[in-house]
Amino acid sequence: MSTGAAAVQPATLTRLGPGRLALGGDLVIDAVAALWDAAAEDLAGGETVTLSLDGVRRADSAGVALLVEWLRAARAGGGELRLSGLPAQMRAILAVSDLDTLFPDA
């Protein structure tokens, strides 16, 4: 018997090239923990890293928490995190959480 809920698609991180990463899948609480430290090396170099979210299927506040943590890590290393393709669902969570100013280019 189906509950009607879609199965969680694993969240993935892909390195597209120097300073370019892409997230895909479901950035939800069940999938985000596996990615928490996945970009640490990329974000520690003091460079601007562009993160594409075009492949994100769905997201919740855990996905937003991941982005905020990665932004913190990038800034701690003297760099910056830029987002592209931010899904409307995540944009709405950032706005209602008053975190949208952290990602002005998103």
PDB file of N, CA and C in Angstrom:
ATOM      1  N   MET A   1       0.846  -1.179   0.000  1.00  0.00           N
ATOM      2  CA  MET A   1       0.000   0.000   0.000  1.00  0.00           C
ATOM      3  C   MET A   1       0.886   1.234   0.000  1.00  0.00           C
ATOM      4  N   SER A   2       0.658   2.143  -0.906  1.00  0.00           N
ATOM      5  CA  SER A   2       1.461   3.359  -1.033  1.00  0.00           C
ATOM      6  C   SER A   2       0.915   4.450  -0.134  1.00  0.00           C
ATOM      7  N   THR A   3       1.816   5.197   0.483  1.00  0.00           N
ATOM      8  CA  THR A   3       1.401   6.307   1.340  1.00  0.00           C
ATOM      9  C   THR A   3       1.234   7.586   0.532  1.00  0.00           C
ATOM     10  N   GLY A   4       1.651   7.563  -0.738  1.00  0.00           N
ATOM     11  CA  GLY A   4       1.532   8.755  -1.573  1.00  0.00           C
ATOM     12  C   GLY A   4       2.757   9.637  -1.539  1.00  0.00           C
ATOM     13  N   ALA A   5       3.652   9.399  -0.585  1.00  0.00           N
ATOM     14  CA  ALA A   5       4.864  10.210  -0.499  1.00  0.00           C
ATOM     15  C   ALA A   5       5.911   9.661  -1.458  1.00  0.00           C
ATOM     16  N   ALA A   6       6.567  10.551  -2.154  1.00  0.00           N
ATOM     17  CA  ALA A   6       7.620  10.147  -3.079  1.00  0.00           C
ATOM     18  C   ALA A   6       8.854   9.723  -2.290  1.00  0.00           C
ATOM     19  N   ALA A   7       9.529   8.717  -2.800  1.00  0.00           N
ATOM     20  CA  ALA A   7      10.768   8.266  -2.170  1.00  0.00           C
ATOM     21  C   ALA A   7      11.807   9.375  -2.259  1.00  0.00           C
ATOM     22  N   VAL A   8      12.633   9.462  -1.238  1.00  0.00           N
ATOM     23  CA  VAL A   8      13.686  10.470  -1.211  1.00  0.00           C
ATOM     24  C   VAL A   8      14.755  10.093  -2.230  1.00  0.00           C
ATOM     25  N   GLN A   9      15.057  11.027  -3.102  1.00  0.00           N
ATOM     26  CA  GLN A   9      16.145  10.844  -4.061  1.00  0.00           C
ATOM     27  C   GLN A   9      17.417  11.314  -3.372  1.00  0.00           C
ATOM     28  N   PRO A  10      18.444  10.474  -3.278  1.00  0.00           N
ATOM     29  CA  PRO A  10      19.658  10.867  -2.563  1.00  0.00           C
ATOM     30  C   PRO A  10      20.214  12.198  -3.069  1.00  0.00           C
ATOM     31  N   ALA A  11      20.651  13.008  -2.132  1.00  0.00           N
ATOM     32  CA  ALA A  11      21.291  14.273  -2.484  1.00  0.00           C
ATOM     33  C   ALA A  11      22.700  13.972  -2.971  1.00  0.00           C
ATOM     34  N   THR A  12      23.129  14.689  -3.992  1.00  0.00           N
ATOM     35  CA  THR A  12      24.458  14.468  -4.557  1.00  0.00           C
ATOM     36  C   THR A  12      25.199  15.788  -4.686  1.00  0.00           C
ATOM     37  N   LEU A  13      26.512  15.718  -4.561  1.00  0.00           N
ATOM     38  CA  LEU A  13      27.385  16.857  -4.798  1.00  0.00           C
ATOM     39  C   LEU A  13      28.331  16.468  -5.922  1.00  0.00           C
ATOM     40  N   THR A  14      28.394  17.310  -6.951  1.00  0.00           N
ATOM     41  CA  THR A  14      29.257  17.062  -8.095  1.00  0.00           C
ATOM     42  C   THR A  14      30.211  18.228  -8.256  1.00  0.00           C
ATOM     43  N   ARG A  15      31.469  17.923  -8.464  1.00  0.00           N
ATOM     44  CA  ARG A  15      32.467  18.955  -8.747  1.00  0.00           C
ATOM     45  C   ARG A  15      32.508  19.170 -10.254  1.00  0.00           C
ATOM     46  N   LEU A  16      32.163  20.374 -10.679  1.00  0.00           N
ATOM     47  CA  LEU A  16      32.099  20.698 -12.103  1.00  0.00           C
ATOM     48  C   LEU A  16      33.407  21.259 -12.629  1.00  0.00           C
ATOM     49  N   GLY A  17      34.266  21.694 -11.757  1.00  0.00           N
ATOM     50  CA  GLY A  17      35.537  22.300 -12.125  1.00  0.00           C
ATOM     51  C   GLY A  17      35.994  23.170 -10.974  1.00  0.00           C
ATOM     52  N   PRO A  18      37.123  23.844 -11.117  1.00  0.00           N
ATOM     53  CA  PRO A  18      37.613  24.702 -10.043  1.00  0.00           C
ATOM     54  C   PRO A  18      36.573  25.759  -9.652  1.00  0.00           C
ATOM     55  N   GLY A  19      36.211  25.764  -8.384  1.00  0.00           N
ATOM     56  CA  GLY A  19      35.271  26.759  -7.881  1.00  0.00           C
ATOM     57  C   GLY A  19      33.839  26.573  -8.348  1.00  0.00           C
ATOM     58  N   ARG A  20      33.511  25.389  -8.858  1.00  0.00           N
ATOM     59  CA  ARG A  20      32.157  25.134  -9.364  1.00  0.00           C
ATOM     60  C   ARG A  20      31.645  23.789  -8.862  1.00  0.00           C
ATOM     61  N   LEU A  21      30.546  23.842  -8.122  1.00  0.00           N
ATOM     62  CA  LEU A  21      29.910  22.649  -7.579  1.00  0.00           C
ATOM     63  C   LEU A  21      28.449  22.622  -7.996  1.00  0.00           C
ATOM     64  N   ALA A  22      27.855  21.433  -7.947  1.00  0.00           N
ATOM     65  CA  ALA A  22      26.424  21.300  -8.241  1.00  0.00           C
ATOM     66  C   ALA A  22      25.802  20.343  -7.236  1.00  0.00           C
ATOM     67  N   LEU A  23      24.639  20.728  -6.740  1.00  0.00           N
ATOM     68  CA  LEU A  23      23.846  19.872  -5.867  1.00  0.00           C
ATOM     69  C   LEU A  23      22.670  19.334  -6.657  1.00  0.00           C
ATOM     70  N   GLY A  24      22.297  18.098  -6.361  1.00  0.00           N
ATOM     71  CA  GLY A  24      21.141  17.504  -7.010  1.00  0.00           C
ATOM     72  C   GLY A  24      20.394  16.620  -6.037  1.00  0.00           C
ATOM     73  N   GLY A  25      19.229  16.183  -6.443  1.00  0.00           N
ATOM     74  CA  GLY A  25      18.410  15.304  -5.619  1.00  0.00           C
ATOM     75  C   GLY A  25      17.547  16.067  -4.646  1.00  0.00           C
ATOM     76  N   ASP A  26      17.267  15.418  -3.527  1.00  0.00           N
ATOM     77  CA  ASP A  26      16.391  15.987  -2.504  1.00  0.00           C
ATOM     78  C   ASP A  26      17.225  16.490  -1.331  1.00  0.00           C
ATOM     79  N   LEU A  27      17.177  17.787  -1.101  1.00  0.00           N
ATOM     80  CA  LEU A  27      17.883  18.382   0.040  1.00  0.00           C
ATOM     81  C   LEU A  27      16.908  18.454   1.211  1.00  0.00           C
ATOM     82  N   VAL A  28      16.606  17.291   1.738  1.00  0.00           N
ATOM     83  CA  VAL A  28      15.673  17.159   2.857  1.00  0.00           C
ATOM     84  C   VAL A  28      16.387  16.503   4.026  1.00  0.00           C
ATOM     85  N   ILE A  29      15.761  16.540   5.170  1.00  0.00           N
ATOM     86  CA  ILE A  29      16.411  16.108   6.401  1.00  0.00           C
ATOM     87  C   ILE A  29      17.003  14.710   6.304  1.00  0.00           C
ATOM     88  N   ASP A  30      16.366  13.813   5.583  1.00  0.00           N
ATOM     89  CA  ASP A  30      16.868  12.443   5.477  1.00  0.00           C
ATOM     90  C   ASP A  30      18.101  12.324   4.587  1.00  0.00           C
ATOM     91  N   ALA A  31      18.396  13.336   3.777  1.00  0.00           N
ATOM     92  CA  ALA A  31      19.478  13.232   2.802  1.00  0.00           C
ATOM     93  C   ALA A  31      20.638  14.194   3.063  1.00  0.00           C
ATOM     94  N   VAL A  32      20.389  15.259   3.804  1.00  0.00           N
ATOM     95  CA  VAL A  32      21.388  16.320   3.960  1.00  0.00           C
ATOM     96  C   VAL A  32      22.581  15.910   4.809  1.00  0.00           C
ATOM     97  N   ALA A  33      22.376  15.116   5.822  1.00  0.00           N
ATOM     98  CA  ALA A  33      23.472  14.759   6.737  1.00  0.00           C
ATOM     99  C   ALA A  33      24.670  14.170   6.000  1.00  0.00           C
ATOM    100  N   ALA A  34      24.412  13.409   4.957  1.00  0.00           N
ATOM    101  CA  ALA A  34      25.504  12.789   4.204  1.00  0.00           C
ATOM    102  C   ALA A  34      26.358  13.820   3.466  1.00  0.00           C
ATOM    103  N   LEU A  35      25.822  15.012   3.249  1.00  0.00           N
ATOM    104  CA  LEU A  35      26.549  16.048   2.508  1.00  0.00           C
ATOM    105  C   LEU A  35      27.207  17.093   3.396  1.00  0.00           C
ATOM    106  N   TRP A  36      26.934  17.062   4.684  1.00  0.00           N
ATOM    107  CA  TRP A  36      27.324  18.161   5.570  1.00  0.00           C
ATOM    108  C   TRP A  36      28.780  18.573   5.393  1.00  0.00           C
ATOM    109  N   ASP A  37      29.689  17.618   5.349  1.00  0.00           N
ATOM    110  CA  ASP A  37      31.118  17.916   5.235  1.00  0.00           C
ATOM    111  C   ASP A  37      31.669  17.705   3.825  1.00  0.00           C
ATOM    112  N   ALA A  38      30.807  17.378   2.874  1.00  0.00           N
ATOM    113  CA  ALA A  38      31.255  16.992   1.531  1.00  0.00           C
ATOM    114  C   ALA A  38      31.987  18.095   0.775  1.00  0.00           C
ATOM    115  N   ALA A  39      31.678  19.348   1.050  1.00  0.00           N
ATOM    116  CA  ALA A  39      32.304  20.457   0.318  1.00  0.00           C
ATOM    117  C   ALA A  39      33.350  21.187   1.140  1.00  0.00           C
ATOM    118  N   ALA A  40      33.710  20.637   2.281  1.00  0.00           N
ATOM    119  CA  ALA A  40      34.640  21.326   3.193  1.00  0.00           C
ATOM    120  C   ALA A  40      35.941  21.721   2.497  1.00  0.00           C
ATOM    121  N   GLU A  41      36.527  20.819   1.757  1.00  0.00           N
ATOM    122  CA  GLU A  41      37.797  21.104   1.090  1.00  0.00           C
ATOM    123  C   GLU A  41      37.620  22.196   0.028  1.00  0.00           C
ATOM    124  N   ASP A  42      36.528  22.141  -0.700  1.00  0.00           N
ATOM    125  CA  ASP A  42      36.258  23.139  -1.746  1.00  0.00           C
ATOM    126  C   ASP A  42      36.066  24.533  -1.160  1.00  0.00           C
ATOM    127  N   LEU A  43      35.478  24.601   0.018  1.00  0.00           N
ATOM    128  CA  LEU A  43      35.129  25.890   0.621  1.00  0.00           C
ATOM    129  C   LEU A  43      36.249  26.485   1.461  1.00  0.00           C
ATOM    130  N   ALA A  44      37.274  25.710   1.762  1.00  0.00           N
ATOM    131  CA  ALA A  44      38.342  26.165   2.648  1.00  0.00           C
ATOM    132  C   ALA A  44      39.452  26.917   1.928  1.00  0.00           C
ATOM    133  N   GLY A  45      39.395  26.999   0.614  1.00  0.00           N
ATOM    134  CA  GLY A  45      40.506  27.552  -0.152  1.00  0.00           C
ATOM    135  C   GLY A  45      40.555  29.052  -0.277  1.00  0.00           C
ATOM    136  N   GLY A  46      39.609  29.779   0.306  1.00  0.00           N
ATOM    137  CA  GLY A  46      39.633  31.230   0.241  1.00  0.00           C
ATOM    138  C   GLY A  46      39.166  31.794  -1.084  1.00  0.00           C
ATOM    139  N   GLU A  47      38.522  30.987  -1.899  1.00  0.00           N
ATOM    140  CA  GLU A  47      38.041  31.418  -3.215  1.00  0.00           C
ATOM    141  C   GLU A  47      36.523  31.557  -3.203  1.00  0.00           C
ATOM    142  N   THR A  48      36.001  32.166  -4.235  1.00  0.00           N
ATOM    143  CA  THR A  48      34.558  32.176  -4.438  1.00  0.00           C
ATOM    144  C   THR A  48      34.166  30.871  -5.111  1.00  0.00           C
ATOM    145  N   VAL A  49      33.214  30.185  -4.517  1.00  0.00           N
ATOM    146  CA  VAL A  49      32.705  28.928  -5.056  1.00  0.00           C
ATOM    147  C   VAL A  49      31.276  29.178  -5.520  1.00  0.00           C
ATOM    148  N   THR A  50      30.986  28.787  -6.742  1.00  0.00           N
ATOM    149  CA  THR A  50      29.628  28.895  -7.271  1.00  0.00           C
ATOM    150  C   THR A  50      28.968  27.531  -7.177  1.00  0.00           C
ATOM    151  N   LEU A  51      27.814  27.504  -6.547  1.00  0.00           N
ATOM    152  CA  LEU A  51      27.073  26.274  -6.316  1.00  0.00           C
ATOM    153  C   LEU A  51      25.782  26.304  -7.127  1.00  0.00           C
ATOM    154  N   SER A  52      25.661  25.402  -8.070  1.00  0.00           N
ATOM    155  CA  SER A  52      24.432  25.279  -8.867  1.00  0.00           C
ATOM    156  C   SER A  52      23.453  24.379  -8.131  1.00  0.00           C
ATOM    157  N   LEU A  53      22.224  24.851  -8.046  1.00  0.00           N
ATOM    158  CA  LEU A  53      21.159  24.074  -7.422  1.00  0.00           C
ATOM    159  C   LEU A  53      20.106  23.666  -8.453  1.00  0.00           C
ATOM    160  N   ASP A  54      20.465  23.732  -9.726  1.00  0.00           N
ATOM    161  CA  ASP A  54      19.522  23.398 -10.793  1.00  0.00           C
ATOM    162  C   ASP A  54      19.010  21.966 -10.695  1.00  0.00           C
ATOM    163  N   GLY A  55      19.800  21.058 -10.126  1.00  0.00           N
ATOM    164  CA  GLY A  55      19.404  19.659 -10.036  1.00  0.00           C
ATOM    165  C   GLY A  55      18.645  19.292  -8.777  1.00  0.00           C
ATOM    166  N   VAL A  56      18.348  20.274  -7.933  1.00  0.00           N
ATOM    167  CA  VAL A  56      17.614  19.992  -6.692  1.00  0.00           C
ATOM    168  C   VAL A  56      16.146  19.767  -7.031  1.00  0.00           C
ATOM    169  N   ARG A  57      15.665  18.617  -6.623  1.00  0.00           N
ATOM    170  CA  ARG A  57      14.285  18.229  -6.911  1.00  0.00           C
ATOM    171  C   ARG A  57      13.312  18.820  -5.892  1.00  0.00           C
ATOM    172  N   ARG A  58      13.693  18.764  -4.625  1.00  0.00           N
ATOM    173  CA  ARG A  58      12.899  19.365  -3.554  1.00  0.00           C
ATOM    174  C   ARG A  58      13.810  19.638  -2.373  1.00  0.00           C
ATOM    175  N   ALA A  59      13.343  20.492  -1.472  1.00  0.00           N
ATOM    176  CA  ALA A  59      14.182  20.886  -0.341  1.00  0.00           C
ATOM    177  C   ALA A  59      13.304  21.266   0.841  1.00  0.00           C
ATOM    178  N   ASP A  60      13.907  21.213   2.011  1.00  0.00           N
ATOM    179  CA  ASP A  60      13.235  21.683   3.217  1.00  0.00           C
ATOM    180  C   ASP A  60      14.224  22.523   4.020  1.00  0.00           C
ATOM    181  N   SER A  61      13.893  22.817   5.255  1.00  0.00           N
ATOM    182  CA  SER A  61      14.766  23.682   6.063  1.00  0.00           C
ATOM    183  C   SER A  61      16.137  23.055   6.303  1.00  0.00           C
ATOM    184  N   ALA A  62      16.244  21.738   6.265  1.00  0.00           N
ATOM    185  CA  ALA A  62      17.559  21.096   6.407  1.00  0.00           C
ATOM    186  C   ALA A  62      18.455  21.444   5.226  1.00  0.00           C
ATOM    187  N   GLY A  63      17.886  21.521   4.038  1.00  0.00           N
ATOM    188  CA  GLY A  63      18.645  21.936   2.862  1.00  0.00           C
ATOM    189  C   GLY A  63      19.130  23.365   2.988  1.00  0.00           C
ATOM    190  N   VAL A  64      18.279  24.223   3.519  1.00  0.00           N
ATOM    191  CA  VAL A  64      18.672  25.619   3.741  1.00  0.00           C
ATOM    192  C   VAL A  64      19.776  25.682   4.799  1.00  0.00           C
ATOM    193  N   ALA A  65      19.652  24.883   5.846  1.00  0.00           N
ATOM    194  CA  ALA A  65      20.695  24.847   6.881  1.00  0.00           C
ATOM    195  C   ALA A  65      22.037  24.416   6.288  1.00  0.00           C
ATOM    196  N   LEU A  66      22.011  23.484   5.346  1.00  0.00           N
ATOM    197  CA  LEU A  66      23.241  23.059   4.672  1.00  0.00           C
ATOM    198  C   LEU A  66      23.877  24.234   3.934  1.00  0.00           C
ATOM    199  N   LEU A  67      23.077  25.005   3.210  1.00  0.00           N
ATOM    200  CA  LEU A  67      23.615  26.156   2.474  1.00  0.00           C
ATOM    201  C   LEU A  67      24.198  27.194   3.416  1.00  0.00           C
ATOM    202  N   VAL A  68      23.530  27.440   4.527  1.00  0.00           N
ATOM    203  CA  VAL A  68      24.020  28.420   5.508  1.00  0.00           C
ATOM    204  C   VAL A  68      25.336  27.929   6.111  1.00  0.00           C
ATOM    205  N   GLU A  69      25.430  26.645   6.414  1.00  0.00           N
ATOM    206  CA  GLU A  69      26.677  26.089   6.954  1.00  0.00           C
ATOM    207  C   GLU A  69      27.805  26.192   5.935  1.00  0.00           C
ATOM    208  N   TRP A  70      27.512  25.893   4.685  1.00  0.00           N
ATOM    209  CA  TRP A  70      28.547  25.995   3.651  1.00  0.00           C
ATOM    210  C   TRP A  70      28.966  27.443   3.439  1.00  0.00           C
ATOM    211  N   LEU A  71      28.043  28.381   3.536  1.00  0.00           N
ATOM    212  CA  LEU A  71      28.392  29.798   3.443  1.00  0.00           C
ATOM    213  C   LEU A  71      29.319  30.180   4.600  1.00  0.00           C
ATOM    214  N   ARG A  72      28.989  29.725   5.807  1.00  0.00           N
ATOM    215  CA  ARG A  72      29.823  30.000   6.972  1.00  0.00           C
ATOM    216  C   ARG A  72      31.228  29.430   6.772  1.00  0.00           C
ATOM    217  N   ALA A  73      31.307  28.208   6.262  1.00  0.00           N
ATOM    218  CA  ALA A  73      32.600  27.566   6.038  1.00  0.00           C
ATOM    219  C   ALA A  73      33.418  28.327   4.994  1.00  0.00           C
ATOM    220  N   ALA A  74      32.758  28.763   3.935  1.00  0.00           N
ATOM    221  CA  ALA A  74      33.467  29.522   2.892  1.00  0.00           C
ATOM    222  C   ALA A  74      34.013  30.826   3.453  1.00  0.00           C
ATOM    223  N   ARG A  75      33.194  31.540   4.197  1.00  0.00           N
ATOM    224  CA  ARG A  75      33.634  32.821   4.763  1.00  0.00           C
ATOM    225  C   ARG A  75      34.714  32.628   5.812  1.00  0.00           C
ATOM    226  N   ALA A  76      34.647  31.553   6.587  1.00  0.00           N
ATOM    227  CA  ALA A  76      35.678  31.265   7.586  1.00  0.00           C
ATOM    228  C   ALA A  76      37.025  31.020   6.923  1.00  0.00           C
ATOM    229  N   GLY A  77      36.994  30.497   5.698  1.00  0.00           N
ATOM    230  CA  GLY A  77      38.219  30.256   4.957  1.00  0.00           C
ATOM    231  C   GLY A  77      38.660  31.439   4.120  1.00  0.00           C
ATOM    232  N   GLY A  78      37.942  32.568   4.236  1.00  0.00           N
ATOM    233  CA  GLY A  78      38.290  33.764   3.486  1.00  0.00           C
ATOM    234  C   GLY A  78      37.683  33.831   2.100  1.00  0.00           C
ATOM    235  N   GLY A  79      36.730  32.960   1.819  1.00  0.00           N
ATOM    236  CA  GLY A  79      36.090  32.930   0.504  1.00  0.00           C
ATOM    237  C   GLY A  79      34.635  33.336   0.557  1.00  0.00           C
ATOM    238  N   GLU A  80      33.917  32.933  -0.453  1.00  0.00           N
ATOM    239  CA  GLU A  80      32.495  33.269  -0.564  1.00  0.00           C
ATOM    240  C   GLU A  80      31.786  32.125  -1.272  1.00  0.00           C
ATOM    241  N   LEU A  81      30.501  31.995  -1.028  1.00  0.00           N
ATOM    242  CA  LEU A  81      29.665  31.002  -1.694  1.00  0.00           C
ATOM    243  C   LEU A  81      28.583  31.737  -2.460  1.00  0.00           C
ATOM    244  N   ARG A  82      28.518  31.496  -3.751  1.00  0.00           N
ATOM    245  CA  ARG A  82      27.488  32.074  -4.622  1.00  0.00           C
ATOM    246  C   ARG A  82      26.569  30.956  -5.078  1.00  0.00           C
ATOM    247  N   LEU A  83      25.283  31.234  -5.128  1.00  0.00           N
ATOM    248  CA  LEU A  83      24.300  30.239  -5.541  1.00  0.00           C
ATOM    249  C   LEU A  83      23.734  30.577  -6.904  1.00  0.00           C
ATOM    250  N   SER A  84      23.450  29.538  -7.672  1.00  0.00           N
ATOM    251  CA  SER A  84      22.712  29.724  -8.916  1.00  0.00           C
ATOM    252  C   SER A  84      21.629  28.655  -8.978  1.00  0.00           C
ATOM    253  N   GLY A  85      20.528  28.992  -9.606  1.00  0.00           N
ATOM    254  CA  GLY A  85      19.441  28.037  -9.768  1.00  0.00           C
ATOM    255  C   GLY A  85      18.734  27.682  -8.480  1.00  0.00           C
ATOM    256  N   LEU A  86      18.674  28.618  -7.542  1.00  0.00           N
ATOM    257  CA  LEU A  86      18.021  28.352  -6.253  1.00  0.00           C
ATOM    258  C   LEU A  86      16.540  28.056  -6.477  1.00  0.00           C
ATOM    259  N   PRO A  87      16.067  26.874  -6.069  1.00  0.00           N
ATOM    260  CA  PRO A  87      14.652  26.542  -6.252  1.00  0.00           C
ATOM    261  C   PRO A  87      13.741  27.484  -5.469  1.00  0.00           C
ATOM    262  N   ALA A  88      12.569  27.724  -6.003  1.00  0.00           N
ATOM    263  CA  ALA A  88      11.600  28.619  -5.360  1.00  0.00           C
ATOM    264  C   ALA A  88      11.292  28.171  -3.937  1.00  0.00           C
ATOM    265  N   GLN A  89      11.237  26.870  -3.713  1.00  0.00           N
ATOM    266  CA  GLN A  89      10.951  26.332  -2.388  1.00  0.00           C
ATOM    267  C   GLN A  89      12.019  26.783  -1.378  1.00  0.00           C
ATOM    268  N   MET A  90      13.287  26.748  -1.779  1.00  0.00           N
ATOM    269  CA  MET A  90      14.359  27.177  -0.882  1.00  0.00           C
ATOM    270  C   MET A  90      14.370  28.690  -0.729  1.00  0.00           C
ATOM    271  N   ARG A  91      14.089  29.392  -1.792  1.00  0.00           N
ATOM    272  CA  ARG A  91      14.016  30.857  -1.749  1.00  0.00           C
ATOM    273  C   ARG A  91      12.948  31.293  -0.731  1.00  0.00           C
ATOM    274  N   ALA A  92      11.818  30.594  -0.716  1.00  0.00           N
ATOM    275  CA  ALA A  92      10.735  30.923   0.215  1.00  0.00           C
ATOM    276  C   ALA A  92      11.160  30.657   1.662  1.00  0.00           C
ATOM    277  N   ILE A  93      11.857  29.547   1.893  1.00  0.00           N
ATOM    278  CA  ILE A  93      12.325  29.240   3.252  1.00  0.00           C
ATOM    279  C   ILE A  93      13.325  30.290   3.708  1.00  0.00           C
ATOM    280  N   LEU A  94      14.240  30.680   2.828  1.00  0.00           N
ATOM    281  CA  LEU A  94      15.202  31.743   3.170  1.00  0.00           C
ATOM    282  C   LEU A  94      14.476  33.038   3.523  1.00  0.00           C
ATOM    283  N   ALA A  95      13.444  33.371   2.760  1.00  0.00           N
ATOM    284  CA  ALA A  95      12.719  34.627   2.987  1.00  0.00           C
ATOM    285  C   ALA A  95      11.978  34.614   4.324  1.00  0.00           C
ATOM    286  N   VAL A  96      11.239  33.549   4.607  1.00  0.00           N
ATOM    287  CA  VAL A  96      10.471  33.520   5.860  1.00  0.00           C
ATOM    288  C   VAL A  96      11.376  33.368   7.074  1.00  0.00           C
ATOM    289  N   SER A  97      12.582  32.871   6.870  1.00  0.00           N
ATOM    290  CA  SER A  97      13.558  32.727   7.960  1.00  0.00           C
ATOM    291  C   SER A  97      14.425  33.964   8.111  1.00  0.00           C
ATOM    292  N   ASP A  98      14.180  34.962   7.256  1.00  0.00           N
ATOM    293  CA  ASP A  98      14.947  36.208   7.239  1.00  0.00           C
ATOM    294  C   ASP A  98      16.432  35.942   6.975  1.00  0.00           C
ATOM    295  N   LEU A  99      16.701  34.953   6.118  1.00  0.00           N
ATOM    296  CA  LEU A  99      18.065  34.604   5.749  1.00  0.00           C
ATOM    297  C   LEU A  99      18.379  34.954   4.295  1.00  0.00           C
ATOM    298  N   ASP A 100      17.411  35.526   3.605  1.00  0.00           N
ATOM    299  CA  ASP A 100      17.603  35.813   2.177  1.00  0.00           C
ATOM    300  C   ASP A 100      18.712  36.832   1.932  1.00  0.00           C
ATOM    301  N   THR A 101      19.038  37.660   2.901  1.00  0.00           N
ATOM    302  CA  THR A 101      20.115  38.636   2.709  1.00  0.00           C
ATOM    303  C   THR A 101      21.499  37.974   2.722  1.00  0.00           C
ATOM    304  N   LEU A 102      21.582  36.744   3.222  1.00  0.00           N
ATOM    305  CA  LEU A 102      22.857  36.025   3.207  1.00  0.00           C
ATOM    306  C   LEU A 102      23.273  35.631   1.787  1.00  0.00           C
ATOM    307  N   PHE A 103      22.287  35.475   0.916  1.00  0.00           N
ATOM    308  CA  PHE A 103      22.534  35.044  -0.460  1.00  0.00           C
ATOM    309  C   PHE A 103      21.916  36.041  -1.427  1.00  0.00           C
ATOM    310  N   PRO A 104      22.468  37.243  -1.518  1.00  0.00           N
ATOM    311  CA  PRO A 104      21.854  38.295  -2.328  1.00  0.00           C
ATOM    312  C   PRO A 104      21.826  37.990  -3.828  1.00  0.00           C
ATOM    313  N   ASP A 105      22.709  37.148  -4.302  1.00  0.00           N
ATOM    314  CA  ASP A 105      22.767  36.853  -5.735  1.00  0.00           C
ATOM    315  C   ASP A 105      21.903  35.668  -6.128  1.00  0.00           C
ATOM    316  N   ALA A 106      21.308  35.011  -5.164  1.00  0.00           N
ATOM    317  CA  ALA A 106      20.541  33.782  -5.438  1.00  0.00           C
ATOM    318  C   ALA A 106      19.206  34.089  -6.103  1.00  0.00           C
TER     319      ALA A 106
END
